[in-house]
C-alpha atoms as a PDB file:
ATOM      1  CA  MET A   1       0.139  -0.041   0.252  1.00  0.00           C
ATOM      2  CA  ASP A   2       1.217   3.044  -0.654  1.00  0.00           C
ATOM      3  CA  ASP A   3       2.103   5.893   2.073  1.00  0.00           C
ATOM      4  CA  PRO A   4       0.060   8.762   2.174  1.00  0.00           C
ATOM      5  CA  ARG A   5       2.356  11.000   3.569  1.00  0.00           C
ATOM      6  CA  LEU A   6       4.071  10.463  -0.190  1.00  0.00           C
ATOM      7  CA  THR A   7       1.570  12.200  -1.627  1.00  0.00           C
ATOM      8  CA  LYS A   8       1.360  16.178  -2.431  1.00  0.00           C
ATOM      9  CA  ASP A   9      -1.121  16.641   0.810  1.00  0.00           C
ATOM     10  CA  GLY A  10       0.841  14.548   2.678  1.00  0.00           C
ATOM     11  CA  ILE A  11       4.215  16.123   2.010  1.00  0.00           C
ATOM     12  CA  ILE A  12       2.625  19.300   2.566  1.00  0.00           C
ATOM     13  CA  ALA A  13       1.842  18.205   5.885  1.00  0.00           C
ATOM     14  CA  GLU A  14       4.810  17.481   7.056  1.00  0.00           C
ATOM     15  CA  ALA A  15       6.411  20.261   5.882  1.00  0.00           C
ATOM     16  CA  ILE A  16       4.113  22.191   8.020  1.00  0.00           C
ATOM     17  CA  LEU A  17       4.809  20.136  11.219  1.00  0.00           C
ATOM     18  CA  LEU A  18       8.180  20.463  10.261  1.00  0.00           C
ATOM     19  CA  LEU A  19       8.567  24.559   9.933  1.00  0.00           C
ATOM     20  CA  ASN A  20       6.787  24.610  13.254  1.00  0.00           C
ATOM     21  CA  GLU A  21       9.273  22.231  14.886  1.00  0.00           C
ATOM     22  CA  GLU A  22      12.775  23.685  13.378  1.00  0.00           C
ATOM     23  CA  GLY A  23      11.584  27.208  12.145  1.00  0.00           C
ATOM     24  CA  LEU A  24      11.781  28.129   8.398  1.00  0.00           C
ATOM     25  CA  GLU A  25      15.388  28.154   8.091  1.00  0.00           C
ATOM     26  CA  GLY A  26      15.122  24.961   9.416  1.00  0.00           C
ATOM     27  CA  VAL A  27      12.832  23.183   6.326  1.00  0.00           C
ATOM     28  CA  SER A  28      14.541  21.567   3.547  1.00  0.00           C
ATOM     29  CA  LEU A  29      13.623  18.819   1.190  1.00  0.00           C
ATOM     30  CA  ARG A  30      16.797  16.818   2.708  1.00  0.00           C
ATOM     31  CA  LYS A  31      14.967  16.801   6.212  1.00  0.00           C
ATOM     32  CA  LEU A  32      11.454  16.100   4.790  1.00  0.00           C
ATOM     33  CA  ALA A  33      12.615  13.588   2.772  1.00  0.00           C
ATOM     34  CA  ALA A  34      14.434  12.007   6.087  1.00  0.00           C
ATOM     35  CA  ARG A  35      11.311  12.261   7.978  1.00  0.00           C
ATOM     36  CA  LEU A  36       9.285  10.686   5.258  1.00  0.00           C
ATOM     37  CA  GLY A  37      11.606   7.694   5.101  1.00  0.00           C
ATOM     38  CA  VAL A  38      12.703   8.374   1.485  1.00  0.00           C
ATOM     39  CA  LYS A  39      15.255  10.562  -0.495  1.00  0.00           C
ATOM     40  CA  ALA A  40      14.962  14.039  -1.805  1.00  0.00           C
ATOM     41  CA  PRO A  41      15.024  13.178  -4.913  1.00  0.00           C
ATOM     42  CA  SER A  42      11.748  11.701  -4.204  1.00  0.00           C
ATOM     43  CA  LEU A  43      10.147  14.659  -3.274  1.00  0.00           C
ATOM     44  CA  TYR A  44      11.098  16.022  -6.536  1.00  0.00           C
ATOM     45  CA  TRP A  45       8.028  14.822  -8.103  1.00  0.00           C
ATOM     46  CA  HIS A  46       5.477  16.859  -6.376  1.00  0.00           C
ATOM     47  CA  PHE A  47       7.953  20.119  -5.443  1.00  0.00           C
ATOM     48  CA  ALA A  48      10.845  21.507  -7.949  1.00  0.00           C
ATOM     49  CA  ASP A  49      12.228  22.869  -5.039  1.00  0.00           C
ATOM     50  CA  LYS A  50      12.057  24.211  -1.414  1.00  0.00           C
ATOM     51  CA  SER A  51      10.564  27.514  -3.058  1.00  0.00           C
ATOM     52  CA  ALA A  52       7.482  25.583  -4.460  1.00  0.00           C
ATOM     53  CA  LEU A  53       7.288  23.228  -1.268  1.00  0.00           C
ATOM     54  CA  MET A  54       6.998  26.564   0.323  1.00  0.00           C
ATOM     55  CA  SER A  55       4.865  28.440  -2.035  1.00  0.00           C
ATOM     56  CA  ALA A  56       2.143  25.077  -1.242  1.00  0.00           C
ATOM     57  CA  VAL A  57       2.379  25.310   1.945  1.00  0.00           C
ATOM     58  CA  MET A  58       1.401  29.461   2.532  1.00  0.00           C
ATOM     59  CA  GLU A  59      -1.486  28.053  -0.246  1.00  0.00           C
ATOM     60  CA  ARG A  60      -2.851  25.339   2.211  1.00  0.00           C
ATOM     61  CA  LEU A  61      -2.399  27.571   4.658  1.00  0.00           C
ATOM     62  CA  PHE A  62      -4.523  30.458   3.675  1.00  0.00           C
ATOM     63  CA  ASP A  63      -7.176  27.697   2.716  1.00  0.00           C
ATOM     64  CA  GLU A  64      -7.241  26.638   6.221  1.00  0.00           C
ATOM     65  CA  CYS A  65      -8.156  29.983   7.160  1.00  0.00           C
ATOM     66  CA  LEU A  66     -10.812  30.278   4.405  1.00  0.00           C
ATOM     67  CA  ASP A  67     -11.981  27.083   5.140  1.00  0.00           C
ATOM     68  CA  ALA A  68     -12.622  27.960   8.936  1.00  0.00           C
ATOM     69  CA  VAL A  69     -14.446  30.617   7.837  1.00  0.00           C
ATOM     70  CA  PRO A  70     -18.556  30.007   7.952  1.00  0.00           C
ATOM     71  CA  ASP A  71     -20.719  30.989   5.599  1.00  0.00           C
ATOM     72  CA  HIS A  72     -22.430  33.947   5.841  1.00  0.00           C
ATOM     73  CA  VAL A  73     -24.473  36.470   4.233  1.00  0.00           C
ATOM     74  CA  ASP A  74     -23.800  39.228   6.686  1.00  0.00           C
ATOM     75  CA  TRP A  75     -20.073  40.938   5.180  1.00  0.00           C
ATOM     76  CA  GLN A  76     -19.333  42.558   8.974  1.00  0.00           C
ATOM     77  CA  GLN A  77     -19.948  38.581  10.125  1.00  0.00           C
ATOM     78  CA  TRP A  78     -17.706  37.087   7.380  1.00  0.00           C
ATOM     79  CA  MET A  79     -14.966  39.389   7.740  1.00  0.00           C
ATOM     80  CA  ARG A  80     -14.775  39.584  11.428  1.00  0.00           C
ATOM     81  CA  SER A  81     -14.382  35.705  11.101  1.00  0.00           C
ATOM     82  CA  PHE A  82     -12.052  35.722   7.944  1.00  0.00           C
ATOM     83  CA  GLY A  83     -10.066  38.024  10.587  1.00  0.00           C
ATOM     84  CA  SER A  84     -10.401  35.616  13.215  1.00  0.00           C
ATOM     85  CA  ALA A  85      -9.363  32.246  11.451  1.00  0.00           C
ATOM     86  CA  LEU A  86      -5.945  34.108  10.377  1.00  0.00           C
ATOM     87  CA  TRP A  87      -5.577  35.920  13.349  1.00  0.00           C
ATOM     88  CA  TRP A  88      -5.342  31.881  14.671  1.00  0.00           C
ATOM     89  CA  ARG A  89      -3.486  30.474  12.100  1.00  0.00           C
ATOM     90  CA  GLN A  90      -0.600  32.533  11.725  1.00  0.00           C
ATOM     91  CA  ASN A  91      -0.091  32.234  15.218  1.00  0.00           C
ATOM     92  CA  THR A  92      -0.301  28.572  15.225  1.00  0.00           C
ATOM     93  CA  ILE A  93       2.525  28.353  12.465  1.00  0.00           C
ATOM     94  CA  ARG A  94       6.209  29.445  13.772  1.00  0.00           C
ATOM     95  CA  ASP A  95       7.886  31.933  11.023  1.00  0.00           C
ATOM     96  CA  PHE A  96       4.527  32.677   9.344  1.00  0.00           C
ATOM     97  CA  GLY A  97       5.610  36.267   9.267  1.00  0.00           C
ATOM     98  CA  ARG A  98       8.788  35.136   7.819  1.00  0.00           C
ATOM     99  CA  LEU A  99       7.387  33.152   5.119  1.00  0.00           C
ATOM    100  CA  ILE A 100       4.618  35.433   3.755  1.00  0.00           C
ATOM    101  CA  THR A 101       7.439  38.006   2.981  1.00  0.00           C
ATOM    102  CA  THR A 102       9.409  35.381   1.855  1.00  0.00           C
ATOM    103  CA  THR A 103       7.733  33.029  -0.462  1.00  0.00           C
ATOM    104  CA  ASP A 104       7.131  33.737  -3.603  1.00  0.00           C
ATOM    105  CA  ILE A 105       3.791  32.419  -5.493  1.00  0.00           C
ATOM    106  CA  ASP A 106       3.417  32.141  -9.031  1.00  0.00           C
ATOM    107  CA  GLU A 107       0.356  34.188 -11.184  1.00  0.00           C
ATOM    108  CA  ALA A 108      -1.353  30.489 -11.022  1.00  0.00           C
ATOM    109  CA  GLN A 109      -1.365  30.273  -7.662  1.00  0.00           C
ATOM    110  CA  LEU A 110      -2.824  33.587  -6.856  1.00  0.00           C
ATOM    111  CA  ALA A 111      -5.425  33.221  -9.790  1.00  0.00           C
ATOM    112  CA  ARG A 112      -6.419  29.904  -7.423  1.00  0.00           C
ATOM    113  CA  THR A 113      -6.188  32.064  -4.127  1.00  0.00           C
ATOM    114  CA  GLN A 114      -8.253  35.099  -5.906  1.00  0.00           C
ATOM    115  CA  ALA A 115     -10.928  32.336  -7.154  1.00  0.00           C
ATOM    116  CA  ARG A 116     -11.418  30.602  -3.672  1.00  0.00           C
ATOM    117  CA  ILE A 117     -11.873  34.158  -2.144  1.00  0.00           C
ATOM    118  CA  ARG A 118     -13.776  35.282  -4.675  1.00  0.00           C
ATOM    119  CA  SER A 119     -16.370  32.442  -4.258  1.00  0.00           C
ATOM    120  CA  ARG A 120     -16.575  32.689  -0.347  1.00  0.00           C
ATOM    121  CA  ILE A 121     -17.453  36.188  -0.693  1.00  0.00           C
ATOM    122  CA  ARG A 122     -20.504  36.029  -3.363  1.00  0.00           C
ATOM    123  CA  LYS A 123     -22.806  35.629  -1.062  1.00  0.00           C
ATOM    124  CA  LEU A 124     -22.225  38.508   0.944  1.00  0.00           C
ATOM    125  CA  ASN A 125     -24.672  41.676   1.124  1.00  0.00           C
ATOM    126  CA  LEU A 126     -21.509  43.815  -0.709  1.00  0.00           C
ATOM    127  CA  ALA A 127     -20.027  44.798  -3.553  1.00  0.00           C
ATOM    128  CA  GLU A 128     -17.389  41.950  -4.731  1.00  0.00           C
ATOM    129  CA  LYS A 129     -15.315  44.395  -5.486  1.00  0.00           C
ATOM    130  CA  ASP A 130     -15.002  46.599  -1.786  1.00  0.00           C
ATOM    131  CA  ALA A 131     -15.694  42.452  -0.495  1.00  0.00           C
ATOM    132  CA  MET A 132     -12.022  42.055  -1.927  1.00  0.00           C
ATOM    133  CA  ARG A 133     -10.297  44.983  -0.888  1.00  0.00           C
ATOM    134  CA  LEU A 134     -11.786  44.862   2.464  1.00  0.00           C
ATOM    135  CA  GLN A 135     -10.438  41.048   2.617  1.00  0.00           C
ATOM    136  CA  SER A 136      -6.940  42.336   1.483  1.00  0.00           C
ATOM    137  CA  THR A 137      -6.969  44.896   4.273  1.00  0.00           C
ATOM    138  CA  ILE A 138      -8.255  42.817   7.198  1.00  0.00           C
ATOM    139  CA  GLN A 139      -5.375  40.445   5.653  1.00  0.00           C
ATOM    140  CA  ALA A 140      -2.966  42.939   5.800  1.00  0.00           C
ATOM    141  CA  LEU A 141      -3.913  43.861   9.226  1.00  0.00           C
ATOM    142  CA  ILE A 142      -4.255  40.926  10.729  1.00  0.00           C
ATOM    143  CA  THR A 143      -0.472  40.067   9.459  1.00  0.00           C
ATOM    144  CA  GLY A 144       1.256  43.134  10.695  1.00  0.00           C
ATOM    145  CA  TRP A 145       0.175  42.322  13.778  1.00  0.00           C
ATOM    146  CA  SER A 146       0.628  38.873  13.940  1.00  0.00           C
ATOM    147  CA  ALA A 147       4.692  39.728  12.531  1.00  0.00           C
ATOM    148  CA  PHE A 148       4.442  42.493  15.925  1.00  0.00           C
ATOM    149  CA  ALA A 149       3.358  39.319  18.099  1.00  0.00           C
ATOM    150  CA  HIS A 150       6.548  36.810  16.696  1.00  0.00           C
ATOM    151  CA  ALA A 151       8.992  39.734  16.687  1.00  0.00           C
ATOM    152  CA  PRO A 152      12.215  39.359  18.628  1.00  0.00           C
ATOM    153  CA  TYR A 153      10.951  41.808  20.751  1.00  0.00           C
ATOM    154  CA  ALA A 154       7.005  40.730  21.094  1.00  0.00           C
ATOM    155  CA  LYS A 155       7.855  39.689  25.075  1.00  0.00           C
ATOM    156  CA  ALA A 156       8.674  43.021  26.331  1.00  0.00           C
ATOM    157  CA  LEU A 157       6.361  44.903  23.677  1.00  0.00           C
ATOM    158  CA  SER A 158       3.015  42.524  25.271  1.00  0.00           C
ATOM    159  CA  ARG A 159       3.751  44.174  28.561  1.00  0.00           C
ATOM    160  CA  THR A 160       2.143  47.264  26.884  1.00  0.00           C
ATOM    161  CA  VAL A 161       0.585  45.744  23.877  1.00  0.00           C
ATOM    162  CA  PRO A 162      -1.904  43.146  24.030  1.00  0.00           C
ATOM    163  CA  PHE A 163      -1.440  42.359  20.291  1.00  0.00           C
ATOM    164  CA  GLU A 164      -4.318  39.861  19.817  1.00  0.00           C
ATOM    165  CA  THR A 165      -6.952  42.601  21.754  1.00  0.00           C
ATOM    166  CA  VAL A 166      -5.781  45.655  19.834  1.00  0.00           C
ATOM    167  CA  ALA A 167      -6.036  43.094  16.208  1.00  0.00           C
ATOM    168  CA  MET A 168      -9.217  42.666  17.268  1.00  0.00           C
ATOM    169  CA  HIS A 169      -9.922  46.166  18.251  1.00  0.00           C
ATOM    170  CA  ASP A 170      -8.215  47.116  14.805  1.00  0.00           C
ATOM    171  CA  LEU A 171     -10.616  44.565  13.048  1.00  0.00           C
ATOM    172  CA  GLU A 172     -13.454  46.200  14.152  1.00  0.00           C
ATOM    173  CA  ILE A 173     -12.620  49.606  13.324  1.00  0.00           C
ATOM    174  CA  VAL A 174     -12.150  48.501  10.090  1.00  0.00           C
ATOM    175  CA  LEU A 175     -15.169  47.067   9.473  1.00  0.00           C
ATOM    176  CA  ALA A 176     -17.116  50.036  10.804  1.00  0.00           C
ATOM    177  CA  GLY A 177     -15.589  52.463   8.488  1.00  0.00           C
ATOM    178  CA  GLN A 178     -16.402  50.024   5.789  1.00  0.00           C
ATOM    179  CA  ALA A 179     -20.180  50.147   7.333  1.00  0.00           C
ATOM    180  CA  MET A 180     -19.827  54.531   7.551  1.00  0.00           C
ATOM    181  CA  LYS A 181     -18.923  54.252   3.915  1.00  0.00           C
ATOM    182  CA  MET A 182     -21.847  52.488   3.025  1.00  0.00           C
ATOM    183  CA  LYS A 183     -24.084  54.683   4.683  1.00  0.00           C
ATOM    184  CA  LYS A 184     -22.873  57.548   2.466  1.00  0.00           C
ATOM    185  CA  PRO A 185     -25.227  58.985   0.321  1.00  0.00           C
ATOM    186  CA  ARG A 186     -23.255  59.426  -3.006  1.00  0.00           C
ATOM    187  CA  ASN A 187     -22.975  62.303  -4.634  1.00  0.00           C
ATOM    188  CA  ARG A 188     -25.070  62.460  -7.685  1.00  0.00           C
ATOM    189  CA  LYS A 189     -24.701  65.006 -10.792  1.00  0.00           C
ATOM    190  CA  THR A 190     -27.870  66.061 -11.903  1.00  0.00           C
END
């Protein structure tokens, strides 16, 4: 019987475990292959190099965030849940901030991710253009606070800044700003 860990999904799952154990610098195809009981060239059937592997890891982690967000019609509920899911996932992955800022993604992956987001926001009571911009704003906000929470100086800063509390408070401010924008009457030319 084939080892399910040697499928693309299994390799990604094992890479996430390795990432959490050893950090981004500790992930290599050689180490990953050893954990899976194979030689590194066996992994090349699925991933051309470490960059391709880490890109797949990042896509998996983001997909898990989207999957954790319940379906909502109310855009505020969906965006709030999305922000919470991002916070949770980013704070369960070692070196997530470095992963997201150093990993390249190709156009196909970007298109897949955007399509997944669009499929999730399609039912929201918010124009797609506004929903796409808003979810990007939330990603930037949460990722920024998550980076602070994992910075080398995080322990000292956490004495005065409760990262999660502030991140969720700022998320509410962003949502309130969008709600106010939607209530403003549009200027009409006569």
